[in-house]
Amino acid sequence: FSAVLSMEVLRALLELQQRLAAATVQVPGTGRTVRLQDVCYAPLSPSSPAPADCCVNSVTQYFQNNGTRLAMVATQPYGKGTGTVDWRDHLIYCVNSPLSFKDITALELSCMAEYGAP
């Protein structure tokens, strides 16, 4: 992995996404506040979506937009030894198996997005 796809970049992306998801805009002359969930595509909850229901496609969705999951590290047995698995292993697995509800690493994380789709 290069510096373009590093933990620091993923954390910054996640923080930016969270800030954008929480953003609101006042509609001039109406007194109405518009939020992401008012305008987003939410295929699994179209009638009254929460911000987490909005279809926002991003690499951080492989971690359900969760910083704790992104930071997870686990010990993984390999043959007669052990190694460490982290976000890189999970990402590689999910890119190859995006419909998986649990990866095959010791992290056992889902590849499904926060909004419930691949």
PDB file of N, CA and C in Angstrom:
ATOM      1  N   PHE A   1       0.835  -1.181   0.000  1.00  0.00           N
ATOM      2  CA  PHE A   1       0.000   0.000   0.000  1.00  0.00           C
ATOM      3  C   PHE A   1       0.878   1.241   0.000  1.00  0.00           C
ATOM      4  N   SER A   2       0.431   2.259  -0.704  1.00  0.00           N
ATOM      5  CA  SER A   2       1.202   3.495  -0.776  1.00  0.00           C
ATOM      6  C   SER A   2       0.625   4.530   0.189  1.00  0.00           C
ATOM      7  N   ALA A   3       1.228   5.696   0.206  1.00  0.00           N
ATOM      8  CA  ALA A   3       0.770   6.776   1.083  1.00  0.00           C
ATOM      9  C   ALA A   3      -0.627   7.263   0.696  1.00  0.00           C
ATOM     10  N   VAL A   4      -1.026   7.005  -0.546  1.00  0.00           N
ATOM     11  CA  VAL A   4      -2.360   7.410  -0.987  1.00  0.00           C
ATOM     12  C   VAL A   4      -3.433   6.633  -0.230  1.00  0.00           C
ATOM     13  N   LEU A   5      -3.140   5.399   0.110  1.00  0.00           N
ATOM     14  CA  LEU A   5      -4.082   4.565   0.848  1.00  0.00           C
ATOM     15  C   LEU A   5      -3.403   4.134   2.143  1.00  0.00           C
ATOM     16  N   SER A   6      -3.409   5.041   3.103  1.00  0.00           N
ATOM     17  CA  SER A   6      -2.782   4.786   4.393  1.00  0.00           C
ATOM     18  C   SER A   6      -3.824   4.981   5.490  1.00  0.00           C
ATOM     19  N   MET A   7      -3.498   4.564   6.684  1.00  0.00           N
ATOM     20  CA  MET A   7      -4.401   4.740   7.817  1.00  0.00           C
ATOM     21  C   MET A   7      -4.717   6.224   8.026  1.00  0.00           C
ATOM     22  N   GLU A   8      -3.719   7.092   7.870  1.00  0.00           N
ATOM     23  CA  GLU A   8      -3.935   8.519   8.063  1.00  0.00           C
ATOM     24  C   GLU A   8      -4.935   9.070   7.051  1.00  0.00           C
ATOM     25  N   VAL A   9      -4.805   8.638   5.794  1.00  0.00           N
ATOM     26  CA  VAL A   9      -5.727   9.093   4.753  1.00  0.00           C
ATOM     27  C   VAL A   9      -7.134   8.567   5.023  1.00  0.00           C
ATOM     28  N   LEU A  10      -7.245   7.305   5.416  1.00  0.00           N
ATOM     29  CA  LEU A  10      -8.558   6.730   5.700  1.00  0.00           C
ATOM     30  C   LEU A  10      -9.224   7.414   6.895  1.00  0.00           C
ATOM     31  N   ARG A  11      -8.454   7.725   7.921  1.00  0.00           N
ATOM     32  CA  ARG A  11      -9.016   8.437   9.079  1.00  0.00           C
ATOM     33  C   ARG A  11      -9.475   9.844   8.692  1.00  0.00           C
ATOM     34  N   ALA A  12      -8.688  10.528   7.874  1.00  0.00           N
ATOM     35  CA  ALA A  12      -9.073  11.867   7.418  1.00  0.00           C
ATOM     36  C   ALA A  12     -10.332  11.801   6.556  1.00  0.00           C
ATOM     37  N   LEU A  13     -10.420  10.804   5.692  1.00  0.00           N
ATOM     38  CA  LEU A  13     -11.604  10.617   4.862  1.00  0.00           C
ATOM     39  C   LEU A  13     -12.831  10.334   5.721  1.00  0.00           C
ATOM     40  N   LEU A  14     -12.668   9.481   6.711  1.00  0.00           N
ATOM     41  CA  LEU A  14     -13.772   9.150   7.607  1.00  0.00           C
ATOM     42  C   LEU A  14     -14.245  10.394   8.370  1.00  0.00           C
ATOM     43  N   GLU A  15     -13.318  11.187   8.859  1.00  0.00           N
ATOM     44  CA  GLU A  15     -13.670  12.414   9.575  1.00  0.00           C
ATOM     45  C   GLU A  15     -14.420  13.388   8.655  1.00  0.00           C
ATOM     46  N   LEU A  16     -13.945  13.533   7.427  1.00  0.00           N
ATOM     47  CA  LEU A  16     -14.607  14.411   6.463  1.00  0.00           C
ATOM     48  C   LEU A  16     -16.021  13.917   6.169  1.00  0.00           C
ATOM     49  N   GLN A  17     -16.173  12.627   5.954  1.00  0.00           N
ATOM     50  CA  GLN A  17     -17.496  12.063   5.688  1.00  0.00           C
ATOM     51  C   GLN A  17     -18.439  12.293   6.860  1.00  0.00           C
ATOM     52  N   GLN A  18     -17.954  12.131   8.067  1.00  0.00           N
ATOM     53  CA  GLN A  18     -18.795  12.341   9.246  1.00  0.00           C
ATOM     54  C   GLN A  18     -19.221  13.803   9.363  1.00  0.00           C
ATOM     55  N   ARG A  19     -18.310  14.705   9.059  1.00  0.00           N
ATOM     56  CA  ARG A  19     -18.653  16.128   9.097  1.00  0.00           C
ATOM     57  C   ARG A  19     -19.683  16.475   8.027  1.00  0.00           C
ATOM     58  N   LEU A  20     -19.513  15.927   6.835  1.00  0.00           N
ATOM     59  CA  LEU A  20     -20.477  16.183   5.760  1.00  0.00           C
ATOM     60  C   LEU A  20     -21.843  15.573   6.080  1.00  0.00           C
ATOM     61  N   ALA A  21     -21.858  14.387   6.663  1.00  0.00           N
ATOM     62  CA  ALA A  21     -23.120  13.732   7.019  1.00  0.00           C
ATOM     63  C   ALA A  21     -23.874  14.527   8.088  1.00  0.00           C
ATOM     64  N   ALA A  22     -23.160  15.249   8.917  1.00  0.00           N
ATOM     65  CA  ALA A  22     -23.791  16.029   9.987  1.00  0.00           C
ATOM     66  C   ALA A  22     -24.130  17.458   9.557  1.00  0.00           C
ATOM     67  N   ALA A  23     -23.724  17.832   8.352  1.00  0.00           N
ATOM     68  CA  ALA A  23     -23.947  19.198   7.886  1.00  0.00           C
ATOM     69  C   ALA A  23     -25.434  19.487   7.677  1.00  0.00           C
ATOM     70  N   THR A  24     -25.805  20.718   7.915  1.00  0.00           N
ATOM     71  CA  THR A  24     -27.166  21.178   7.651  1.00  0.00           C
ATOM     72  C   THR A  24     -27.093  22.479   6.862  1.00  0.00           C
ATOM     73  N   VAL A  25     -28.156  22.757   6.136  1.00  0.00           N
ATOM     74  CA  VAL A  25     -28.245  23.985   5.345  1.00  0.00           C
ATOM     75  C   VAL A  25     -29.605  24.609   5.587  1.00  0.00           C
ATOM     76  N   GLN A  26     -29.619  25.897   5.845  1.00  0.00           N
ATOM     77  CA  GLN A  26     -30.875  26.631   6.002  1.00  0.00           C
ATOM     78  C   GLN A  26     -31.354  27.067   4.617  1.00  0.00           C
ATOM     79  N   VAL A  27     -32.595  26.769   4.287  1.00  0.00           N
ATOM     80  CA  VAL A  27     -33.167  27.188   3.014  1.00  0.00           C
ATOM     81  C   VAL A  27     -33.674  28.616   3.175  1.00  0.00           C
ATOM     82  N   PRO A  28     -33.093  29.561   2.436  1.00  0.00           N
ATOM     83  CA  PRO A  28     -33.474  30.965   2.595  1.00  0.00           C
ATOM     84  C   PRO A  28     -34.979  31.191   2.375  1.00  0.00           C
ATOM     85  N   GLY A  29     -35.555  32.008   3.239  1.00  0.00           N
ATOM     86  CA  GLY A  29     -36.945  32.399   3.102  1.00  0.00           C
ATOM     87  C   GLY A  29     -37.964  31.358   3.553  1.00  0.00           C
ATOM     88  N   THR A  30     -37.516  30.168   3.965  1.00  0.00           N
ATOM     89  CA  THR A  30     -38.476  29.127   4.361  1.00  0.00           C
ATOM     90  C   THR A  30     -38.358  28.751   5.828  1.00  0.00           C
ATOM     91  N   GLY A  31     -37.219  29.037   6.417  1.00  0.00           N
ATOM     92  CA  GLY A  31     -36.988  28.611   7.794  1.00  0.00           C
ATOM     93  C   GLY A  31     -36.752  27.112   7.896  1.00  0.00           C
ATOM     94  N   ARG A  32     -36.581  26.467   6.777  1.00  0.00           N
ATOM     95  CA  ARG A  32     -36.409  25.011   6.756  1.00  0.00           C
ATOM     96  C   ARG A  32     -34.930  24.639   6.767  1.00  0.00           C
ATOM     97  N   THR A  33     -34.610  23.596   7.522  1.00  0.00           N
ATOM     98  CA  THR A  33     -33.258  23.055   7.573  1.00  0.00           C
ATOM     99  C   THR A  33     -33.227  21.769   6.762  1.00  0.00           C
ATOM    100  N   VAL A  34     -32.243  21.652   5.883  1.00  0.00           N
ATOM    101  CA  VAL A  34     -32.089  20.458   5.052  1.00  0.00           C
ATOM    102  C   VAL A  34     -30.856  19.703   5.514  1.00  0.00           C
ATOM    103  N   ARG A  35     -31.020  18.400   5.681  1.00  0.00           N
ATOM    104  CA  ARG A  35     -29.923  17.523   6.106  1.00  0.00           C
ATOM    105  C   ARG A  35     -29.671  16.474   5.028  1.00  0.00           C
ATOM    106  N   LEU A  36     -28.579  15.754   5.156  1.00  0.00           N
ATOM    107  CA  LEU A  36     -28.241  14.710   4.189  1.00  0.00           C
ATOM    108  C   LEU A  36     -29.398  13.737   4.002  1.00  0.00           C
ATOM    109  N   GLN A  37     -29.978  13.264   5.084  1.00  0.00           N
ATOM    110  CA  GLN A  37     -31.041  12.270   4.979  1.00  0.00           C
ATOM    111  C   GLN A  37     -32.299  12.804   4.291  1.00  0.00           C
ATOM    112  N   ASP A  38     -32.415  14.129   4.146  1.00  0.00           N
ATOM    113  CA  ASP A  38     -33.552  14.705   3.422  1.00  0.00           C
ATOM    114  C   ASP A  38     -33.397  14.581   1.909  1.00  0.00           C
ATOM    115  N   VAL A  39     -32.168  14.408   1.440  1.00  0.00           N
ATOM    116  CA  VAL A  39     -31.919  14.414  -0.009  1.00  0.00           C
ATOM    117  C   VAL A  39     -31.181  13.182  -0.517  1.00  0.00           C
ATOM    118  N   CYS A  40     -30.817  12.277   0.359  1.00  0.00           N
ATOM    119  CA  CYS A  40     -29.981  11.150  -0.059  1.00  0.00           C
ATOM    120  C   CYS A  40     -30.791   9.997  -0.640  1.00  0.00           C
ATOM    121  N   TYR A  41     -30.084   9.125  -1.328  1.00  0.00           N
ATOM    122  CA  TYR A  41     -30.643   7.862  -1.807  1.00  0.00           C
ATOM    123  C   TYR A  41     -30.436   6.841  -0.693  1.00  0.00           C
ATOM    124  N   ALA A  42     -31.530   6.328  -0.156  1.00  0.00           N
ATOM    125  CA  ALA A  42     -31.484   5.357   0.940  1.00  0.00           C
ATOM    126  C   ALA A  42     -32.306   4.131   0.523  1.00  0.00           C
ATOM    127  N   PRO A  43     -31.703   3.217  -0.229  1.00  0.00           N
ATOM    128  CA  PRO A  43     -32.463   2.113  -0.821  1.00  0.00           C
ATOM    129  C   PRO A  43     -33.118   1.174   0.180  1.00  0.00           C
ATOM    130  N   LEU A  44     -32.577   1.028   1.370  1.00  0.00           N
ATOM    131  CA  LEU A  44     -33.143   0.085   2.335  1.00  0.00           C
ATOM    132  C   LEU A  44     -34.056   0.753   3.352  1.00  0.00           C
ATOM    133  N   SER A  45     -34.143   2.076   3.307  1.00  0.00           N
ATOM    134  CA  SER A  45     -35.016   2.806   4.225  1.00  0.00           C
ATOM    135  C   SER A  45     -35.465   4.107   3.555  1.00  0.00           C
ATOM    136  N   PRO A  46     -36.198   4.005   2.446  1.00  0.00           N
ATOM    137  CA  PRO A  46     -36.516   5.202   1.670  1.00  0.00           C
ATOM    138  C   PRO A  46     -37.509   6.164   2.320  1.00  0.00           C
ATOM    139  N   SER A  47     -38.367   5.691   3.208  1.00  0.00           N
ATOM    140  CA  SER A  47     -39.412   6.571   3.739  1.00  0.00           C
ATOM    141  C   SER A  47     -38.933   7.542   4.811  1.00  0.00           C
ATOM    142  N   SER A  48     -38.043   7.120   5.696  1.00  0.00           N
ATOM    143  CA  SER A  48     -37.518   8.051   6.701  1.00  0.00           C
ATOM    144  C   SER A  48     -36.101   7.631   7.088  1.00  0.00           C
ATOM    145  N   PRO A  49     -35.155   7.919   6.220  1.00  0.00           N
ATOM    146  CA  PRO A  49     -33.778   7.474   6.472  1.00  0.00           C
ATOM    147  C   PRO A  49     -33.069   8.277   7.557  1.00  0.00           C
ATOM    148  N   ALA A  50     -32.177   7.598   8.252  1.00  0.00           N
ATOM    149  CA  ALA A  50     -31.225   8.234   9.159  1.00  0.00           C
ATOM    150  C   ALA A  50     -29.957   8.474   8.338  1.00  0.00           C
ATOM    151  N   PRO A  51     -29.026   9.287   8.809  1.00  0.00           N
ATOM    152  CA  PRO A  51     -27.795   9.502   8.034  1.00  0.00           C
ATOM    153  C   PRO A  51     -27.078   8.199   7.677  1.00  0.00           C
ATOM    154  N   ALA A  52     -27.096   7.208   8.563  1.00  0.00           N
ATOM    155  CA  ALA A  52     -26.410   5.938   8.302  1.00  0.00           C
ATOM    156  C   ALA A  52     -27.097   5.119   7.213  1.00  0.00           C
ATOM    157  N   ASP A  53     -28.342   5.457   6.872  1.00  0.00           N
ATOM    158  CA  ASP A  53     -29.074   4.743   5.825  1.00  0.00           C
ATOM    159  C   ASP A  53     -28.756   5.257   4.429  1.00  0.00           C
ATOM    160  N   CYS A  54     -28.111   6.401   4.330  1.00  0.00           N
ATOM    161  CA  CYS A  54     -27.814   7.006   3.041  1.00  0.00           C
ATOM    162  C   CYS A  54     -26.703   6.252   2.318  1.00  0.00           C
ATOM    163  N   CYS A  55     -26.909   6.059   1.035  1.00  0.00           N
ATOM    164  CA  CYS A  55     -25.937   5.338   0.211  1.00  0.00           C
ATOM    165  C   CYS A  55     -24.790   6.279  -0.131  1.00  0.00           C
ATOM    166  N   VAL A  56     -23.726   6.180   0.645  1.00  0.00           N
ATOM    167  CA  VAL A  56     -22.516   6.963   0.413  1.00  0.00           C
ATOM    168  C   VAL A  56     -21.411   5.958   0.144  1.00  0.00           C
ATOM    169  N   ASN A  57     -20.979   5.887  -1.117  1.00  0.00           N
ATOM    170  CA  ASN A  57     -19.974   4.892  -1.487  1.00  0.00           C
ATOM    171  C   ASN A  57     -18.575   5.433  -1.248  1.00  0.00           C
ATOM    172  N   SER A  58     -17.840   4.690  -0.447  1.00  0.00           N
ATOM    173  CA  SER A  58     -16.498   5.088  -0.058  1.00  0.00           C
ATOM    174  C   SER A  58     -15.751   3.856   0.434  1.00  0.00           C
ATOM    175  N   VAL A  59     -14.443   3.904   0.377  1.00  0.00           N
ATOM    176  CA  VAL A  59     -13.635   2.790   0.870  1.00  0.00           C
ATOM    177  C   VAL A  59     -13.885   2.555   2.363  1.00  0.00           C
ATOM    178  N   THR A  60     -14.249   3.588   3.100  1.00  0.00           N
ATOM    179  CA  THR A  60     -14.497   3.417   4.532  1.00  0.00           C
ATOM    180  C   THR A  60     -15.779   2.636   4.815  1.00  0.00           C
ATOM    181  N   GLN A  61     -16.611   2.437   3.812  1.00  0.00           N
ATOM    182  CA  GLN A  61     -17.810   1.623   3.999  1.00  0.00           C
ATOM    183  C   GLN A  61     -17.443   0.159   4.266  1.00  0.00           C
ATOM    184  N   TYR A  62     -16.284  -0.295   3.816  1.00  0.00           N
ATOM    185  CA  TYR A  62     -15.849  -1.662   4.134  1.00  0.00           C
ATOM    186  C   TYR A  62     -15.651  -1.839   5.642  1.00  0.00           C
ATOM    187  N   PHE A  63     -15.623  -0.718   6.365  1.00  0.00           N
ATOM    188  CA  PHE A  63     -15.498  -0.723   7.829  1.00  0.00           C
ATOM    189  C   PHE A  63     -16.741  -0.118   8.474  1.00  0.00           C
ATOM    190  N   GLN A  64     -17.827  -0.019   7.705  1.00  0.00           N
ATOM    191  CA  GLN A  64     -19.100   0.541   8.134  1.00  0.00           C
ATOM    192  C   GLN A  64     -18.924   1.961   8.686  1.00  0.00           C
ATOM    193  N   ASN A  65     -17.990   2.692   8.100  1.00  0.00           N
ATOM    194  CA  ASN A  65     -17.698   4.073   8.529  1.00  0.00           C
ATOM    195  C   ASN A  65     -17.435   4.163  10.023  1.00  0.00           C
ATOM    196  N   ASN A  66     -16.736   3.170  10.549  1.00  0.00           N
ATOM    197  CA  ASN A  66     -16.499   3.075  11.982  1.00  0.00           C
ATOM    198  C   ASN A  66     -14.990   3.102  12.238  1.00  0.00           C
ATOM    199  N   GLY A  67     -14.526   4.135  12.919  1.00  0.00           N
ATOM    200  CA  GLY A  67     -13.098   4.278  13.198  1.00  0.00           C
ATOM    201  C   GLY A  67     -12.534   3.165  14.063  1.00  0.00           C
ATOM    202  N   THR A  68     -13.335   2.618  14.968  1.00  0.00           N
ATOM    203  CA  THR A  68     -12.874   1.513  15.817  1.00  0.00           C
ATOM    204  C   THR A  68     -12.607   0.275  14.982  1.00  0.00           C
ATOM    205  N   ARG A  69     -13.498  -0.015  14.043  1.00  0.00           N
ATOM    206  CA  ARG A  69     -13.289  -1.175  13.163  1.00  0.00           C
ATOM    207  C   ARG A  69     -12.082  -0.959  12.252  1.00  0.00           C
ATOM    208  N   LEU A  70     -11.916   0.253  11.777  1.00  0.00           N
ATOM    209  CA  LEU A  70     -10.781   0.573  10.922  1.00  0.00           C
ATOM    210  C   LEU A  70      -9.459   0.348  11.656  1.00  0.00           C
ATOM    211  N   ALA A  71      -9.420   0.622  12.940  1.00  0.00           N
ATOM    212  CA  ALA A  71      -8.188   0.507  13.735  1.00  0.00           C
ATOM    213  C   ALA A  71      -7.943  -0.896  14.287  1.00  0.00           C
ATOM    214  N   MET A  72      -8.854  -1.822  14.074  1.00  0.00           N
ATOM    215  CA  MET A  72      -8.697  -3.158  14.664  1.00  0.00           C
ATOM    216  C   MET A  72      -7.458  -3.886  14.151  1.00  0.00           C
ATOM    217  N   VAL A  73      -6.838  -4.620  15.043  1.00  0.00           N
ATOM    218  CA  VAL A  73      -5.692  -5.475  14.737  1.00  0.00           C
ATOM    219  C   VAL A  73      -5.940  -6.793  15.466  1.00  0.00           C
ATOM    220  N   ALA A  74      -5.613  -7.907  14.823  1.00  0.00           N
ATOM    221  CA  ALA A  74      -5.818  -9.210  15.454  1.00  0.00           C
ATOM    222  C   ALA A  74      -4.663 -10.140  15.113  1.00  0.00           C
ATOM    223  N   THR A  75      -4.475 -11.126  15.970  1.00  0.00           N
ATOM    224  CA  THR A  75      -3.471 -12.157  15.725  1.00  0.00           C
ATOM    225  C   THR A  75      -4.112 -13.252  14.888  1.00  0.00           C
ATOM    226  N   GLN A  76      -3.429 -13.625  13.821  1.00  0.00           N
ATOM    227  CA  GLN A  76      -3.953 -14.617  12.868  1.00  0.00           C
ATOM    228  C   GLN A  76      -2.963 -15.772  12.756  1.00  0.00           C
ATOM    229  N   PRO A  77      -3.425 -17.013  12.982  1.00  0.00           N
ATOM    230  CA  PRO A  77      -2.524 -18.149  12.770  1.00  0.00           C
ATOM    231  C   PRO A  77      -2.267 -18.369  11.280  1.00  0.00           C
ATOM    232  N   TYR A  78      -1.017 -18.623  10.945  1.00  0.00           N
ATOM    233  CA  TYR A  78      -0.602 -18.932   9.573  1.00  0.00           C
ATOM    234  C   TYR A  78       0.273 -20.162   9.615  1.00  0.00           C
ATOM    235  N   GLY A  79      -0.260 -21.295   9.212  1.00  0.00           N
ATOM    236  CA  GLY A  79       0.519 -22.528   9.261  1.00  0.00           C
ATOM    237  C   GLY A  79       0.944 -22.833  10.678  1.00  0.00           C
ATOM    238  N   LYS A  80       2.250 -22.904  10.908  1.00  0.00           N
ATOM    239  CA  LYS A  80       2.767 -23.190  12.256  1.00  0.00           C
ATOM    240  C   LYS A  80       3.098 -21.924  13.034  1.00  0.00           C
ATOM    241  N   GLY A  81       2.906 -20.774  12.418  1.00  0.00           N
ATOM    242  CA  GLY A  81       3.212 -19.519  13.101  1.00  0.00           C
ATOM    243  C   GLY A  81       1.977 -18.646  13.238  1.00  0.00           C
ATOM    244  N   THR A  82       2.225 -17.422  13.643  1.00  0.00           N
ATOM    245  CA  THR A  82       1.138 -16.444  13.746  1.00  0.00           C
ATOM    246  C   THR A  82       1.609 -15.129  13.147  1.00  0.00           C
ATOM    247  N   GLY A  83       0.654 -14.342  12.743  1.00  0.00           N
ATOM    248  CA  GLY A  83       0.942 -13.025  12.197  1.00  0.00           C
ATOM    249  C   GLY A  83      -0.117 -12.047  12.676  1.00  0.00           C
ATOM    250  N   THR A  84      -0.062 -10.864  12.144  1.00  0.00           N
ATOM    251  CA  THR A  84      -1.015  -9.827  12.518  1.00  0.00           C
ATOM    252  C   THR A  84      -1.829  -9.442  11.294  1.00  0.00           C
ATOM    253  N   VAL A  85      -3.136  -9.284  11.479  1.00  0.00           N
ATOM    254  CA  VAL A  85      -4.003  -8.797  10.409  1.00  0.00           C
ATOM    255  C   VAL A  85      -4.574  -7.448  10.824  1.00  0.00           C
ATOM    256  N   ASP A  86      -4.808  -6.592   9.835  1.00  0.00           N
ATOM    257  CA  ASP A  86      -5.344  -5.267  10.123  1.00  0.00           C
ATOM    258  C   ASP A  86      -6.215  -4.805   8.965  1.00  0.00           C
ATOM    259  N   TRP A  87      -6.425  -3.501   8.867  1.00  0.00           N
ATOM    260  CA  TRP A  87      -7.317  -2.934   7.864  1.00  0.00           C
ATOM    261  C   TRP A  87      -6.922  -3.325   6.451  1.00  0.00           C
ATOM    262  N   ARG A  88      -5.639  -3.490   6.179  1.00  0.00           N
ATOM    263  CA  ARG A  88      -5.186  -3.854   4.833  1.00  0.00           C
ATOM    264  C   ARG A  88      -5.715  -5.227   4.416  1.00  0.00           C
ATOM    265  N   ASP A  89      -5.628  -6.188   5.339  1.00  0.00           N
ATOM    266  CA  ASP A  89      -6.099  -7.540   5.056  1.00  0.00           C
ATOM    267  C   ASP A  89      -7.613  -7.557   4.824  1.00  0.00           C
ATOM    268  N   HIS A  90      -8.318  -6.813   5.655  1.00  0.00           N
ATOM    269  CA  HIS A  90      -9.773  -6.737   5.505  1.00  0.00           C
ATOM    270  C   HIS A  90     -10.137  -6.082   4.174  1.00  0.00           C
ATOM    271  N   LEU A  91      -9.457  -5.025   3.815  1.00  0.00           N
ATOM    272  CA  LEU A  91      -9.739  -4.321   2.564  1.00  0.00           C
ATOM    273  C   LEU A  91      -9.485  -5.227   1.357  1.00  0.00           C
ATOM    274  N   ILE A  92      -8.367  -5.926   1.344  1.00  0.00           N
ATOM    275  CA  ILE A  92      -8.067  -6.840   0.239  1.00  0.00           C
ATOM    276  C   ILE A  92      -9.142  -7.918   0.134  1.00  0.00           C
ATOM    277  N   TYR A  93      -9.545  -8.464   1.284  1.00  0.00           N
ATOM    278  CA  TYR A  93     -10.584  -9.488   1.267  1.00  0.00           C
ATOM    279  C   TYR A  93     -11.883  -8.921   0.687  1.00  0.00           C
ATOM    280  N   CYS A  94     -12.298  -7.752   1.133  1.00  0.00           N
ATOM    281  CA  CYS A  94     -13.568  -7.172   0.707  1.00  0.00           C
ATOM    282  C   CYS A  94     -13.579  -6.765  -0.762  1.00  0.00           C
ATOM    283  N   VAL A  95     -12.457  -6.292  -1.261  1.00  0.00           N
ATOM    284  CA  VAL A  95     -12.387  -5.944  -2.680  1.00  0.00           C
ATOM    285  C   VAL A  95     -12.646  -7.199  -3.530  1.00  0.00           C
ATOM    286  N   ASN A  96     -12.202  -8.337  -3.053  1.00  0.00           N
ATOM    287  CA  ASN A  96     -12.400  -9.595  -3.771  1.00  0.00           C
ATOM    288  C   ASN A  96     -13.730 -10.276  -3.454  1.00  0.00           C
ATOM    289  N   SER A  97     -14.329  -9.989  -2.296  1.00  0.00           N
ATOM    290  CA  SER A  97     -15.587 -10.618  -1.867  1.00  0.00           C
ATOM    291  C   SER A  97     -16.504  -9.571  -1.225  1.00  0.00           C
ATOM    292  N   PRO A  98     -16.996  -8.601  -2.007  1.00  0.00           N
ATOM    293  CA  PRO A  98     -17.752  -7.491  -1.426  1.00  0.00           C
ATOM    294  C   PRO A  98     -19.094  -7.877  -0.797  1.00  0.00           C
ATOM    295  N   LEU A  99     -19.611  -9.051  -1.094  1.00  0.00           N
ATOM    296  CA  LEU A  99     -20.903  -9.467  -0.531  1.00  0.00           C
ATOM    297  C   LEU A  99     -20.771 -10.229   0.776  1.00  0.00           C
ATOM    298  N   SER A 100     -19.567 -10.329   1.302  1.00  0.00           N
ATOM    299  CA  SER A 100     -19.329 -11.119   2.513  1.00  0.00           C
ATOM    300  C   SER A 100     -19.835 -10.410   3.769  1.00  0.00           C
ATOM    301  N   PHE A 101     -20.507 -11.180   4.618  1.00  0.00           N
ATOM    302  CA  PHE A 101     -20.951 -10.648   5.904  1.00  0.00           C
ATOM    303  C   PHE A 101     -19.889 -10.837   6.983  1.00  0.00           C
ATOM    304  N   LYS A 102     -18.832 -11.600   6.681  1.00  0.00           N
ATOM    305  CA  LYS A 102     -17.744 -11.795   7.641  1.00  0.00           C
ATOM    306  C   LYS A 102     -16.510 -12.222   6.864  1.00  0.00           C
ATOM    307  N   ASP A 103     -15.422 -11.472   7.013  1.00  0.00           N
ATOM    308  CA  ASP A 103     -14.212 -11.847   6.296  1.00  0.00           C
ATOM    309  C   ASP A 103     -13.580 -13.094   6.931  1.00  0.00           C
ATOM    310  N   ILE A 104     -12.568 -13.641   6.276  1.00  0.00           N
ATOM    311  CA  ILE A 104     -11.953 -14.875   6.768  1.00  0.00           C
ATOM    312  C   ILE A 104     -10.729 -14.608   7.638  1.00  0.00           C
ATOM    313  N   THR A 105     -10.506 -13.344   7.974  1.00  0.00           N
ATOM    314  CA  THR A 105      -9.397 -13.026   8.870  1.00  0.00           C
ATOM    315  C   THR A 105      -9.875 -13.147  10.318  1.00  0.00           C
ATOM    316  N   ALA A 106      -8.957 -13.030  11.231  1.00  0.00           N
ATOM    317  CA  ALA A 106      -9.298 -13.056  12.652  1.00  0.00           C
ATOM    318  C   ALA A 106     -10.095 -11.812  13.062  1.00  0.00           C
ATOM    319  N   LEU A 107     -10.146 -10.802  12.208  1.00  0.00           N
ATOM    320  CA  LEU A 107     -10.948  -9.615  12.501  1.00  0.00           C
ATOM    321  C   LEU A 107     -12.441  -9.933  12.434  1.00  0.00           C
ATOM    322  N   GLU A 108     -12.809 -10.823  11.525  1.00  0.00           N
ATOM    323  CA  GLU A 108     -14.205 -11.249  11.322  1.00  0.00           C
ATOM    324  C   GLU A 108     -15.151 -10.076  11.108  1.00  0.00           C
ATOM    325  N   LEU A 109     -14.726  -9.128  10.289  1.00  0.00           N
ATOM    326  CA  LEU A 109     -15.546  -7.956   9.985  1.00  0.00           C
ATOM    327  C   LEU A 109     -16.388  -8.184   8.739  1.00  0.00           C
ATOM    328  N   SER A 110     -17.507  -7.504   8.660  1.00  0.00           N
ATOM    329  CA  SER A 110     -18.368  -7.547   7.486  1.00  0.00           C
ATOM    330  C   SER A 110     -17.802  -6.641   6.397  1.00  0.00           C
ATOM    331  N   CYS A 111     -18.085  -7.003   5.172  1.00  0.00           N
ATOM    332  CA  CYS A 111     -17.720  -6.149   4.035  1.00  0.00           C
ATOM    333  C   CYS A 111     -18.881  -5.268   3.615  1.00  0.00           C
ATOM    334  N   MET A 112     -20.038  -5.484   4.190  1.00  0.00           N
ATOM    335  CA  MET A 112     -21.230  -4.727   3.810  1.00  0.00           C
ATOM    336  C   MET A 112     -21.133  -3.299   4.343  1.00  0.00           C
ATOM    337  N   ALA A 113     -21.698  -2.376   3.567  1.00  0.00           N
ATOM    338  CA  ALA A 113     -21.667  -0.960   3.934  1.00  0.00           C
ATOM    339  C   ALA A 113     -22.559  -0.672   5.137  1.00  0.00           C
ATOM    340  N   GLU A 114     -22.345   0.463   5.746  1.00  0.00           N
ATOM    341  CA  GLU A 114     -23.137   0.874   6.909  1.00  0.00           C
ATOM    342  C   GLU A 114     -24.633   0.887   6.582  1.00  0.00           C
ATOM    343  N   TYR A 115     -24.972   1.249   5.343  1.00  0.00           N
ATOM    344  CA  TYR A 115     -26.380   1.331   4.956  1.00  0.00           C
ATOM    345  C   TYR A 115     -26.975  -0.028   4.580  1.00  0.00           C
ATOM    346  N   GLY A 116     -26.184  -1.102   4.663  1.00  0.00           N
ATOM    347  CA  GLY A 116     -26.701  -2.456   4.519  1.00  0.00           C
ATOM    348  C   GLY A 116     -26.507  -3.127   3.184  1.00  0.00           C
ATOM    349  N   ALA A 117     -25.929  -2.446   2.230  1.00  0.00           N
ATOM    350  CA  ALA A 117     -25.717  -3.026   0.900  1.00  0.00           C
ATOM    351  C   ALA A 117     -24.212  -3.211   0.658  1.00  0.00           C
ATOM    352  N   PRO A 118     -23.866  -3.928  -0.397  1.00  0.00           N
ATOM    353  CA  PRO A 118     -22.425  -4.091  -0.696  1.00  0.00           C
ATOM    354  C   PRO A 118     -21.801  -2.813  -1.220  1.00  0.00           C
TER     355      PRO A 118
END
